[in-house]
Amino acid sequence: MTTRTLRGRRAILDVHARGKPIGDDANLDVLARRTPGFSGADLANMANEAALLAARRGRKRIGMSEFDEAIERVIAGPQRKSRILSPKERELTAYHEGGHALLGKLLPQANPPHKVTILPRGMALGYVIALPQEDKYTVTQSEILANITVMLGGRVAEEIVFGEITTGAANDFENATDLARKMVTEFGMSDKLGPLALGTKHGPVFLGRDLFESQNYSDEIAYEIDKEVRRIIDECYSRARAVLTEHKETLDRIAKALLERESLQSDELDTLVAGQLLRPDLPALASSAPSLEQITVTPGSA
């Protein structure tokens, strides 16, 4: 039974929900839509985590809030409540994650953010969860470039606001560079090098053995690959800087709201991007649609 389709995930959730006291507010159809990219094991882990959370909270039924928390645990790990950030670190993290989230909202080709938080979870001081509007099997060149731009938004926001940079973008750079290199060597998305697959992968993967790649091209081509990757990263970085500089006031609003509320949902981000302030008495919205394989998680500094 495949998890690559909405119907497949719904069927697997039916299996793991059997025998569990599911609350009236927990909708398995909604959960199936919120988990594109989850494997069968991920869905089983999510259901078990939700049951444990409900038990710890003294609840007789598993509600949607437990499932939402369980989805985030599968994606980003448990909350690190013992990790206390200094006021300066909280502000840096708020702007870093705010940069990612704002670009995700403003660039139409990027995976839109569904939640941004400065609550430490796993190894991250903060993170953004984003996913496509629907299950996708192919990605366009413009979508890849937009997502790379979003990945670089945290570092760009630090530079614009503080005139200083931190180590918090290390994972962002790793992911962005890897994606840019795949554009050039695997996806044939380089005008200079053309529609070629550069590098031969060997496998299979088993018993802990990773795929490795042999170089089937000259040193001159390797140099051109590096130049193309550099060009893609530089262009995306410049695009991120231009957008965030133009929308600096919105970035300030998002960072301020994160410092006050710690987490923002998609609708709250829409309100801030529209130039409005969140009402002080506005309750936190229910967590919406994170996922795994097809999501973009852009963590803060570890």
C-alpha atoms as a PDB file:
ATOM      1  CA  MET A   1       0.000   0.000   0.000  1.00  0.00           C
ATOM      2  CA  THR A   2       1.703   3.205  -1.175  1.00  0.00           C
ATOM      3  CA  THR A   3       1.896   6.404   0.869  1.00  0.00           C
ATOM      4  CA  ARG A   4       2.586   8.554  -2.187  1.00  0.00           C
ATOM      5  CA  THR A   5      -1.144   9.177  -2.659  1.00  0.00           C
ATOM      6  CA  LEU A   6      -3.747  10.732  -0.390  1.00  0.00           C
ATOM      7  CA  ARG A   7      -5.868   7.593  -0.614  1.00  0.00           C
ATOM      8  CA  GLY A   8      -2.934   5.379   0.348  1.00  0.00           C
ATOM      9  CA  ARG A   9      -2.102   7.433   3.448  1.00  0.00           C
ATOM     10  CA  ARG A  10      -5.764   7.479   4.455  1.00  0.00           C
ATOM     11  CA  ALA A  11      -5.937   3.683   4.246  1.00  0.00           C
ATOM     12  CA  ILE A  12      -2.787   3.285   6.357  1.00  0.00           C
ATOM     13  CA  LEU A  13      -4.135   5.715   8.956  1.00  0.00           C
ATOM     14  CA  ASP A  14      -7.296   3.590   9.162  1.00  0.00           C
ATOM     15  CA  VAL A  15      -5.128   0.618  10.087  1.00  0.00           C
ATOM     16  CA  HIS A  16      -3.177   2.459  12.791  1.00  0.00           C
ATOM     17  CA  ALA A  17      -6.298   4.112  14.223  1.00  0.00           C
ATOM     18  CA  ARG A  18      -7.969   0.796  14.962  1.00  0.00           C
ATOM     19  CA  GLY A  19      -8.335   0.168  18.657  1.00  0.00           C
ATOM     20  CA  LYS A  20      -7.293   3.715  19.529  1.00  0.00           C
ATOM     21  CA  PRO A  21      -9.757   6.144  21.189  1.00  0.00           C
ATOM     22  CA  ILE A  22      -9.874   8.830  18.498  1.00  0.00           C
ATOM     23  CA  GLY A  23     -11.513  12.125  19.518  1.00  0.00           C
ATOM     24  CA  ASP A  24     -14.398  13.669  17.614  1.00  0.00           C
ATOM     25  CA  ASP A  25     -12.202  16.557  16.439  1.00  0.00           C
ATOM     26  CA  ALA A  26      -9.545  14.248  14.929  1.00  0.00           C
ATOM     27  CA  ASN A  27     -10.208  13.857  11.211  1.00  0.00           C
ATOM     28  CA  LEU A  28      -8.202  11.151   9.435  1.00  0.00           C
ATOM     29  CA  ASP A  29      -8.912  12.708   6.030  1.00  0.00           C
ATOM     30  CA  VAL A  30      -7.314  15.960   7.232  1.00  0.00           C
ATOM     31  CA  LEU A  31      -4.355  14.051   8.694  1.00  0.00           C
ATOM     32  CA  ALA A  32      -3.821  12.266   5.369  1.00  0.00           C
ATOM     33  CA  ARG A  33      -3.677  15.660   3.626  1.00  0.00           C
ATOM     34  CA  ARG A  34      -1.238  16.952   6.237  1.00  0.00           C
ATOM     35  CA  THR A  35       1.287  14.153   5.770  1.00  0.00           C
ATOM     36  CA  PRO A  36       2.474  14.030   2.133  1.00  0.00           C
ATOM     37  CA  GLY A  37       5.808  12.247   2.037  1.00  0.00           C
ATOM     38  CA  PHE A  38       5.242  10.241   5.221  1.00  0.00           C
ATOM     39  CA  SER A  39       6.116   6.560   4.912  1.00  0.00           C
ATOM     40  CA  GLY A  40       4.004   3.827   6.494  1.00  0.00           C
ATOM     41  CA  ALA A  41       6.458   3.744   9.404  1.00  0.00           C
ATOM     42  CA  ASP A  42       6.190   7.522   9.803  1.00  0.00           C
ATOM     43  CA  LEU A  43       2.389   7.293   9.958  1.00  0.00           C
ATOM     44  CA  ALA A  44       2.580   4.496  12.533  1.00  0.00           C
ATOM     45  CA  ASN A  45       5.048   6.514  14.601  1.00  0.00           C
ATOM     46  CA  MET A  46       2.788   9.578  14.377  1.00  0.00           C
ATOM     47  CA  ALA A  47      -0.259   7.608  15.581  1.00  0.00           C
ATOM     48  CA  ASN A  48       1.684   6.075  18.483  1.00  0.00           C
ATOM     49  CA  GLU A  49       3.191   9.431  19.501  1.00  0.00           C
ATOM     50  CA  ALA A  50      -0.277  11.011  19.493  1.00  0.00           C
ATOM     51  CA  ALA A  51      -1.604   8.242  21.748  1.00  0.00           C
ATOM     52  CA  LEU A  52       1.296   8.706  24.180  1.00  0.00           C
ATOM     53  CA  LEU A  53       0.788  12.477  24.251  1.00  0.00           C
ATOM     54  CA  ALA A  54      -2.900  12.076  25.030  1.00  0.00           C
ATOM     55  CA  ALA A  55      -2.085   9.673  27.870  1.00  0.00           C
ATOM     56  CA  ARG A  56       0.508  12.063  29.328  1.00  0.00           C
ATOM     57  CA  ARG A  57      -2.043  14.864  29.226  1.00  0.00           C
ATOM     58  CA  GLY A  58      -4.607  12.730  31.051  1.00  0.00           C
ATOM     59  CA  ARG A  59      -7.015  12.666  28.132  1.00  0.00           C
ATOM     60  CA  LYS A  60      -9.243   9.712  27.366  1.00  0.00           C
ATOM     61  CA  ARG A  61      -9.305  10.409  23.617  1.00  0.00           C
ATOM     62  CA  ILE A  62      -6.671  11.408  21.080  1.00  0.00           C
ATOM     63  CA  GLY A  63      -7.493  14.862  19.750  1.00  0.00           C
ATOM     64  CA  MET A  64      -6.260  16.823  16.757  1.00  0.00           C
ATOM     65  CA  SER A  65      -3.825  18.770  18.946  1.00  0.00           C
ATOM     66  CA  GLU A  66      -2.068  15.512  19.876  1.00  0.00           C
ATOM     67  CA  PHE A  67      -1.880  14.460  16.229  1.00  0.00           C
ATOM     68  CA  ASP A  68      -0.496  17.869  15.238  1.00  0.00           C
ATOM     69  CA  GLU A  69       2.189  17.676  17.919  1.00  0.00           C
ATOM     70  CA  ALA A  70       2.997  14.102  16.869  1.00  0.00           C
ATOM     71  CA  ILE A  71       3.452  15.176  13.228  1.00  0.00           C
ATOM     72  CA  GLU A  72       5.980  17.810  14.314  1.00  0.00           C
ATOM     73  CA  ARG A  73       7.802  15.281  16.474  1.00  0.00           C
ATOM     74  CA  VAL A  74       8.188  12.983  13.462  1.00  0.00           C
ATOM     75  CA  ILE A  75       9.475  15.872  11.333  1.00  0.00           C
ATOM     76  CA  ALA A  76      11.706  17.839  13.703  1.00  0.00           C
ATOM     77  CA  GLY A  77      12.105  15.821  16.912  1.00  0.00           C
ATOM     78  CA  PRO A  78      10.882  16.518  20.469  1.00  0.00           C
ATOM     79  CA  GLN A  79      10.706  19.992  21.946  1.00  0.00           C
ATOM     80  CA  ARG A  80      13.826  21.032  23.874  1.00  0.00           C
ATOM     81  CA  LYS A  81      12.175  22.762  26.827  1.00  0.00           C
ATOM     82  CA  SER A  82      15.442  22.696  28.771  1.00  0.00           C
ATOM     83  CA  ARG A  83      17.193  24.806  26.127  1.00  0.00           C
ATOM     84  CA  ILE A  84      16.859  28.414  27.280  1.00  0.00           C
ATOM     85  CA  LEU A  85      17.833  31.073  24.762  1.00  0.00           C
ATOM     86  CA  SER A  86      19.239  34.436  25.744  1.00  0.00           C
ATOM     87  CA  PRO A  87      17.222  37.508  24.643  1.00  0.00           C
ATOM     88  CA  LYS A  88      19.776  38.164  21.892  1.00  0.00           C
ATOM     89  CA  GLU A  89      19.604  34.587  20.608  1.00  0.00           C
ATOM     90  CA  ARG A  90      15.800  34.700  20.608  1.00  0.00           C
ATOM     91  CA  GLU A  91      15.848  37.894  18.542  1.00  0.00           C
ATOM     92  CA  LEU A  92      18.382  36.462  16.096  1.00  0.00           C
ATOM     93  CA  THR A  93      16.332  33.283  15.760  1.00  0.00           C
ATOM     94  CA  ALA A  94      13.109  35.263  15.257  1.00  0.00           C
ATOM     95  CA  TYR A  95      14.607  37.235  12.374  1.00  0.00           C
ATOM     96  CA  HIS A  96      16.340  34.163  10.923  1.00  0.00           C
ATOM     97  CA  GLU A  97      13.137  32.105  10.842  1.00  0.00           C
ATOM     98  CA  GLY A  98      11.125  35.159   9.878  1.00  0.00           C
ATOM     99  CA  GLY A  99      13.339  35.572   6.801  1.00  0.00           C
ATOM    100  CA  HIS A 100      12.585  32.014   5.706  1.00  0.00           C
ATOM    101  CA  ALA A 101       8.851  32.382   6.360  1.00  0.00           C
ATOM    102  CA  LEU A 102       8.460  35.760   4.644  1.00  0.00           C
ATOM    103  CA  LEU A 103      10.199  34.602   1.477  1.00  0.00           C
ATOM    104  CA  GLY A 104       8.037  31.481   1.483  1.00  0.00           C
ATOM    105  CA  LYS A 105       4.958  33.700   1.530  1.00  0.00           C
ATOM    106  CA  LEU A 106       6.163  36.215  -1.053  1.00  0.00           C
ATOM    107  CA  LEU A 107       7.653  33.867  -3.669  1.00  0.00           C
ATOM    108  CA  PRO A 108       4.709  32.164  -5.407  1.00  0.00           C
ATOM    109  CA  GLN A 109       6.793  29.235  -6.696  1.00  0.00           C
ATOM    110  CA  ALA A 110       8.116  28.317  -3.228  1.00  0.00           C
ATOM    111  CA  ASN A 111       6.538  25.791  -0.896  1.00  0.00           C
ATOM    112  CA  PRO A 112       4.375  28.017   1.352  1.00  0.00           C
ATOM    113  CA  PRO A 113       5.093  28.029   5.105  1.00  0.00           C
ATOM    114  CA  HIS A 114       2.434  26.510   7.340  1.00  0.00           C
ATOM    115  CA  LYS A 115       4.170  27.153  10.630  1.00  0.00           C
ATOM    116  CA  VAL A 116       7.162  29.102  11.903  1.00  0.00           C
ATOM    117  CA  THR A 117       8.432  28.843  15.451  1.00  0.00           C
ATOM    118  CA  ILE A 118      11.336  29.867  17.650  1.00  0.00           C
ATOM    119  CA  LEU A 119      10.695  27.023  20.095  1.00  0.00           C
ATOM    120  CA  PRO A 120      13.738  24.720  20.101  1.00  0.00           C
ATOM    121  CA  ARG A 121      12.986  21.231  18.801  1.00  0.00           C
ATOM    122  CA  GLY A 122      15.499  18.498  18.074  1.00  0.00           C
ATOM    123  CA  MET A 123      18.797  20.221  17.237  1.00  0.00           C
ATOM    124  CA  ALA A 124      17.172  23.400  15.910  1.00  0.00           C
ATOM    125  CA  LEU A 125      16.601  26.641  17.804  1.00  0.00           C
ATOM    126  CA  GLY A 126      13.673  27.361  15.503  1.00  0.00           C
ATOM    127  CA  TYR A 127      12.269  26.127  12.216  1.00  0.00           C
ATOM    128  CA  VAL A 128       9.781  26.673   9.417  1.00  0.00           C
ATOM    129  CA  ILE A 129       7.562  23.882   8.144  1.00  0.00           C
ATOM    130  CA  ALA A 130       6.451  24.265   4.530  1.00  0.00           C
ATOM    131  CA  LEU A 131       4.931  21.967   1.965  1.00  0.00           C
ATOM    132  CA  PRO A 132       3.371  22.066  -1.488  1.00  0.00           C
ATOM    133  CA  GLN A 133      -0.355  22.674  -1.764  1.00  0.00           C
ATOM    134  CA  GLU A 134      -0.802  19.128  -3.093  1.00  0.00           C
ATOM    135  CA  ASP A 135       1.131  15.880  -3.580  1.00  0.00           C
ATOM    136  CA  LYS A 136       3.753  16.461  -6.273  1.00  0.00           C
ATOM    137  CA  TYR A 137       5.825  14.040  -8.306  1.00  0.00           C
ATOM    138  CA  THR A 138       7.829  16.546 -10.350  1.00  0.00           C
ATOM    139  CA  VAL A 139       9.249  19.972  -9.525  1.00  0.00           C
ATOM    140  CA  THR A 140       9.932  22.790 -11.968  1.00  0.00           C
ATOM    141  CA  GLN A 141      13.171  24.713 -12.257  1.00  0.00           C
ATOM    142  CA  SER A 142      11.523  27.920 -11.017  1.00  0.00           C
ATOM    143  CA  GLU A 143      10.167  26.078  -7.975  1.00  0.00           C
ATOM    144  CA  ILE A 144      13.616  24.716  -7.109  1.00  0.00           C
ATOM    145  CA  LEU A 145      15.182  28.172  -7.441  1.00  0.00           C
ATOM    146  CA  ALA A 146      12.466  29.689  -5.255  1.00  0.00           C
ATOM    147  CA  ASN A 147      13.000  27.054  -2.558  1.00  0.00           C
ATOM    148  CA  ILE A 148      16.771  27.627  -2.613  1.00  0.00           C
ATOM    149  CA  THR A 149      16.064  31.355  -2.186  1.00  0.00           C
ATOM    150  CA  VAL A 150      13.888  30.578   0.851  1.00  0.00           C
ATOM    151  CA  MET A 151      16.662  28.417   2.333  1.00  0.00           C
ATOM    152  CA  LEU A 152      19.053  31.368   2.135  1.00  0.00           C
ATOM    153  CA  GLY A 153      16.569  33.795   3.687  1.00  0.00           C
ATOM    154  CA  GLY A 154      17.650  33.186   7.276  1.00  0.00           C
ATOM    155  CA  ARG A 155      21.255  34.276   6.685  1.00  0.00           C
ATOM    156  CA  VAL A 156      20.124  37.211   4.544  1.00  0.00           C
ATOM    157  CA  ALA A 157      17.761  38.415   7.296  1.00  0.00           C
ATOM    158  CA  GLU A 158      20.589  38.286   9.857  1.00  0.00           C
ATOM    159  CA  GLU A 159      22.808  40.345   7.567  1.00  0.00           C
ATOM    160  CA  ILE A 160      20.140  42.954   6.775  1.00  0.00           C
ATOM    161  CA  VAL A 161      18.972  43.449  10.366  1.00  0.00           C
ATOM    162  CA  PHE A 162      22.110  42.994  12.457  1.00  0.00           C
ATOM    163  CA  GLY A 163      24.948  43.604  10.000  1.00  0.00           C
ATOM    164  CA  GLU A 164      26.381  40.393  11.435  1.00  0.00           C
ATOM    165  CA  ILE A 165      26.117  36.710  10.572  1.00  0.00           C
ATOM    166  CA  THR A 166      25.927  33.603  12.759  1.00  0.00           C
ATOM    167  CA  THR A 167      26.519  29.875  12.440  1.00  0.00           C
ATOM    168  CA  GLY A 168      22.771  29.280  12.296  1.00  0.00           C
ATOM    169  CA  ALA A 169      22.658  28.971   8.498  1.00  0.00           C
ATOM    170  CA  ALA A 170      25.051  26.000   8.224  1.00  0.00           C
ATOM    171  CA  ASN A 171      22.285  23.474   7.542  1.00  0.00           C
ATOM    172  CA  ASP A 172      20.552  25.913   5.184  1.00  0.00           C
ATOM    173  CA  PHE A 173      23.721  26.254   3.104  1.00  0.00           C
ATOM    174  CA  GLU A 174      24.225  22.496   3.025  1.00  0.00           C
ATOM    175  CA  ASN A 175      20.703  21.904   1.721  1.00  0.00           C
ATOM    176  CA  ALA A 176      20.796  24.803  -0.740  1.00  0.00           C
ATOM    177  CA  THR A 177      24.178  23.790  -2.172  1.00  0.00           C
ATOM    178  CA  ASP A 178      23.114  20.166  -2.495  1.00  0.00           C
ATOM    179  CA  LEU A 179      19.966  21.178  -4.371  1.00  0.00           C
ATOM    180  CA  ALA A 180      21.877  23.561  -6.657  1.00  0.00           C
ATOM    181  CA  ARG A 181      24.396  20.834  -7.461  1.00  0.00           C
ATOM    182  CA  LYS A 182      21.590  18.410  -8.307  1.00  0.00           C
ATOM    183  CA  MET A 183      20.166  21.002 -10.682  1.00  0.00           C
ATOM    184  CA  VAL A 184      23.457  20.999 -12.561  1.00  0.00           C
ATOM    185  CA  THR A 185      24.534  17.342 -12.357  1.00  0.00           C
ATOM    186  CA  GLU A 186      21.254  15.390 -12.189  1.00  0.00           C
ATOM    187  CA  PHE A 187      18.363  17.479 -13.478  1.00  0.00           C
ATOM    188  CA  GLY A 188      20.042  18.981 -16.557  1.00  0.00           C
ATOM    189  CA  MET A 189      19.016  22.490 -15.451  1.00  0.00           C
ATOM    190  CA  SER A 190      22.200  24.320 -16.431  1.00  0.00           C
ATOM    191  CA  ASP A 191      22.153  26.412 -19.611  1.00  0.00           C
ATOM    192  CA  LYS A 192      25.938  26.222 -19.759  1.00  0.00           C
ATOM    193  CA  LEU A 193      26.380  22.463 -19.311  1.00  0.00           C
ATOM    194  CA  GLY A 194      23.096  21.421 -20.872  1.00  0.00           C
ATOM    195  CA  PRO A 195      20.863  18.355 -20.328  1.00  0.00           C
ATOM    196  CA  LEU A 196      23.494  15.972 -18.995  1.00  0.00           C
ATOM    197  CA  ALA A 197      23.742  13.566 -16.083  1.00  0.00           C
ATOM    198  CA  LEU A 198      27.189  14.193 -14.641  1.00  0.00           C
ATOM    199  CA  GLY A 199      28.545  11.558 -12.260  1.00  0.00           C
ATOM    200  CA  THR A 200      27.666   7.869 -12.044  1.00  0.00           C
ATOM    201  CA  LYS A 201      26.019   6.567  -8.890  1.00  0.00           C
ATOM    202  CA  HIS A 202      26.809   3.092  -7.603  1.00  0.00           C
ATOM    203  CA  GLY A 203      24.868   0.946  -5.154  1.00  0.00           C
ATOM    204  CA  PRO A 204      22.714  -0.649  -4.056  1.00  0.00           C
ATOM    205  CA  VAL A 205      22.233   0.696  -0.557  1.00  0.00           C
ATOM    206  CA  PHE A 206      22.206  -2.118   1.978  1.00  0.00           C
ATOM    207  CA  LEU A 207      23.844  -3.087   5.250  1.00  0.00           C
ATOM    208  CA  GLY A 208      24.694   0.538   5.959  1.00  0.00           C
ATOM    209  CA  ARG A 209      26.461   1.026   2.632  1.00  0.00           C
ATOM    210  CA  ASP A 210      25.705   4.411   1.072  1.00  0.00           C
ATOM    211  CA  LEU A 211      25.475   5.245  -2.580  1.00  0.00           C
ATOM    212  CA  PHE A 212      28.721   6.650  -3.875  1.00  0.00           C
ATOM    213  CA  GLU A 213      29.404   8.553  -7.062  1.00  0.00           C
ATOM    214  CA  SER A 214      32.247   8.187  -9.503  1.00  0.00           C
ATOM    215  CA  GLN A 215      33.361  11.128 -11.615  1.00  0.00           C
ATOM    216  CA  ASN A 216      32.699  10.417 -15.295  1.00  0.00           C
ATOM    217  CA  TYR A 217      33.774  13.863 -16.458  1.00  0.00           C
ATOM    218  CA  SER A 218      36.976  15.862 -16.800  1.00  0.00           C
ATOM    219  CA  ASP A 219      38.503  18.265 -14.306  1.00  0.00           C
ATOM    220  CA  GLU A 220      37.493  21.085 -16.644  1.00  0.00           C
ATOM    221  CA  ILE A 221      33.842  20.032 -16.415  1.00  0.00           C
ATOM    222  CA  ALA A 222      34.175  19.695 -12.616  1.00  0.00           C
ATOM    223  CA  TYR A 223      35.364  23.306 -12.545  1.00  0.00           C
ATOM    224  CA  GLU A 224      32.377  24.374 -14.663  1.00  0.00           C
ATOM    225  CA  ILE A 225      30.002  22.498 -12.338  1.00  0.00           C
ATOM    226  CA  ASP A 226      31.404  24.369  -9.349  1.00  0.00           C
ATOM    227  CA  LYS A 227      31.009  27.679 -11.191  1.00  0.00           C
ATOM    228  CA  GLU A 228      27.394  26.903 -12.073  1.00  0.00           C
ATOM    229  CA  VAL A 229      26.566  25.940  -8.481  1.00  0.00           C
ATOM    230  CA  ARG A 230      28.216  29.163  -7.306  1.00  0.00           C
ATOM    231  CA  ARG A 231      26.183  31.172  -9.838  1.00  0.00           C
ATOM    232  CA  ILE A 232      22.878  29.617  -8.745  1.00  0.00           C
ATOM    233  CA  ILE A 233      23.581  30.251  -5.050  1.00  0.00           C
ATOM    234  CA  ASP A 234      24.739  33.834  -5.699  1.00  0.00           C
ATOM    235  CA  GLU A 235      21.664  34.653  -7.794  1.00  0.00           C
ATOM    236  CA  CYS A 236      19.292  33.171  -5.211  1.00  0.00           C
ATOM    237  CA  TYR A 237      21.097  35.002  -2.409  1.00  0.00           C
ATOM    238  CA  SER A 238      20.785  38.297  -4.294  1.00  0.00           C
ATOM    239  CA  ARG A 239      17.096  37.630  -4.905  1.00  0.00           C
ATOM    240  CA  ALA A 240      16.533  36.922  -1.205  1.00  0.00           C
ATOM    241  CA  ARG A 241      18.340  40.120  -0.243  1.00  0.00           C
ATOM    242  CA  ALA A 242      16.320  42.235  -2.676  1.00  0.00           C
ATOM    243  CA  VAL A 243      12.962  40.841  -1.504  1.00  0.00           C
ATOM    244  CA  LEU A 244      13.709  41.050   2.219  1.00  0.00           C
ATOM    245  CA  THR A 245      15.170  44.542   1.914  1.00  0.00           C
ATOM    246  CA  GLU A 246      12.039  45.720   0.096  1.00  0.00           C
ATOM    247  CA  HIS A 247       9.800  44.121   2.737  1.00  0.00           C
ATOM    248  CA  LYS A 248      11.896  44.932   5.827  1.00  0.00           C
ATOM    249  CA  GLU A 249       8.897  46.349   7.730  1.00  0.00           C
ATOM    250  CA  THR A 250       6.996  43.092   7.239  1.00  0.00           C
ATOM    251  CA  LEU A 251      10.032  41.139   8.422  1.00  0.00           C
ATOM    252  CA  ASP A 252      10.083  43.301  11.556  1.00  0.00           C
ATOM    253  CA  ARG A 253       6.396  42.566  12.192  1.00  0.00           C
ATOM    254  CA  ILE A 254       6.917  38.822  11.835  1.00  0.00           C
ATOM    255  CA  ALA A 255       9.959  38.812  14.127  1.00  0.00           C
ATOM    256  CA  LYS A 256       8.129  40.882  16.757  1.00  0.00           C
ATOM    257  CA  ALA A 257       5.135  38.526  16.633  1.00  0.00           C
ATOM    258  CA  LEU A 258       7.434  35.499  16.984  1.00  0.00           C
ATOM    259  CA  LEU A 259       9.097  37.025  20.043  1.00  0.00           C
ATOM    260  CA  GLU A 260       5.654  37.561  21.588  1.00  0.00           C
ATOM    261  CA  ARG A 261       3.923  34.320  20.553  1.00  0.00           C
ATOM    262  CA  GLU A 262       6.852  31.970  19.785  1.00  0.00           C
ATOM    263  CA  SER A 263       4.910  30.256  16.963  1.00  0.00           C
ATOM    264  CA  LEU A 264       2.853  31.540  14.034  1.00  0.00           C
ATOM    265  CA  GLN A 265       0.497  29.637  11.769  1.00  0.00           C
ATOM    266  CA  SER A 266      -0.067  30.258   8.058  1.00  0.00           C
ATOM    267  CA  ASP A 267      -3.129  32.475   8.527  1.00  0.00           C
ATOM    268  CA  GLU A 268      -1.308  34.600  11.087  1.00  0.00           C
ATOM    269  CA  LEU A 269       1.582  35.060   8.651  1.00  0.00           C
ATOM    270  CA  ASP A 270      -0.928  36.113   5.980  1.00  0.00           C
ATOM    271  CA  THR A 271      -2.271  38.775   8.344  1.00  0.00           C
ATOM    272  CA  LEU A 272       1.202  40.156   9.013  1.00  0.00           C
ATOM    273  CA  VAL A 273       2.214  40.088   5.337  1.00  0.00           C
ATOM    274  CA  ALA A 274      -0.969  42.039   4.545  1.00  0.00           C
ATOM    275  CA  GLY A 275       0.319  44.829   6.796  1.00  0.00           C
ATOM    276  CA  GLN A 276      -2.015  44.143   9.703  1.00  0.00           C
ATOM    277  CA  LEU A 277      -1.201  43.410  13.328  1.00  0.00           C
ATOM    278  CA  LEU A 278      -2.441  40.335  15.147  1.00  0.00           C
ATOM    279  CA  ARG A 279      -5.096  41.027  17.753  1.00  0.00           C
ATOM    280  CA  PRO A 280      -3.732  40.536  21.301  1.00  0.00           C
ATOM    281  CA  ASP A 281      -6.681  38.308  22.151  1.00  0.00           C
ATOM    282  CA  LEU A 282      -6.459  36.208  18.969  1.00  0.00           C
ATOM    283  CA  PRO A 283      -6.178  32.548  19.978  1.00  0.00           C
ATOM    284  CA  ALA A 284      -3.500  30.408  18.411  1.00  0.00           C
ATOM    285  CA  LEU A 285      -4.830  28.675  15.327  1.00  0.00           C
ATOM    286  CA  ALA A 286      -4.768  24.901  15.027  1.00  0.00           C
ATOM    287  CA  SER A 287      -1.528  23.666  13.527  1.00  0.00           C
ATOM    288  CA  SER A 288      -1.845  23.113   9.795  1.00  0.00           C
ATOM    289  CA  ALA A 289      -0.314  20.822   7.317  1.00  0.00           C
ATOM    290  CA  PRO A 290       3.266  19.828   7.956  1.00  0.00           C
ATOM    291  CA  SER A 291       4.780  16.885   6.074  1.00  0.00           C
ATOM    292  CA  LEU A 292       8.032  15.024   5.684  1.00  0.00           C
ATOM    293  CA  GLU A 293       9.605  14.093   2.370  1.00  0.00           C
ATOM    294  CA  GLN A 294       8.100  16.953   0.396  1.00  0.00           C
ATOM    295  CA  ILE A 295       8.326  19.546   3.109  1.00  0.00           C
ATOM    296  CA  THR A 296      11.041  22.073   3.562  1.00  0.00           C
ATOM    297  CA  VAL A 297      12.237  22.366   7.116  1.00  0.00           C
ATOM    298  CA  THR A 298      14.603  25.279   7.541  1.00  0.00           C
ATOM    299  CA  PRO A 299      16.092  25.020  11.040  1.00  0.00           C
ATOM    300  CA  GLY A 300      17.756  27.749  12.998  1.00  0.00           C
ATOM    301  CA  SER A 301      21.152  27.453  14.633  1.00  0.00           C
ATOM    302  CA  ALA A 302      21.855  24.226  16.482  1.00  0.00           C
END
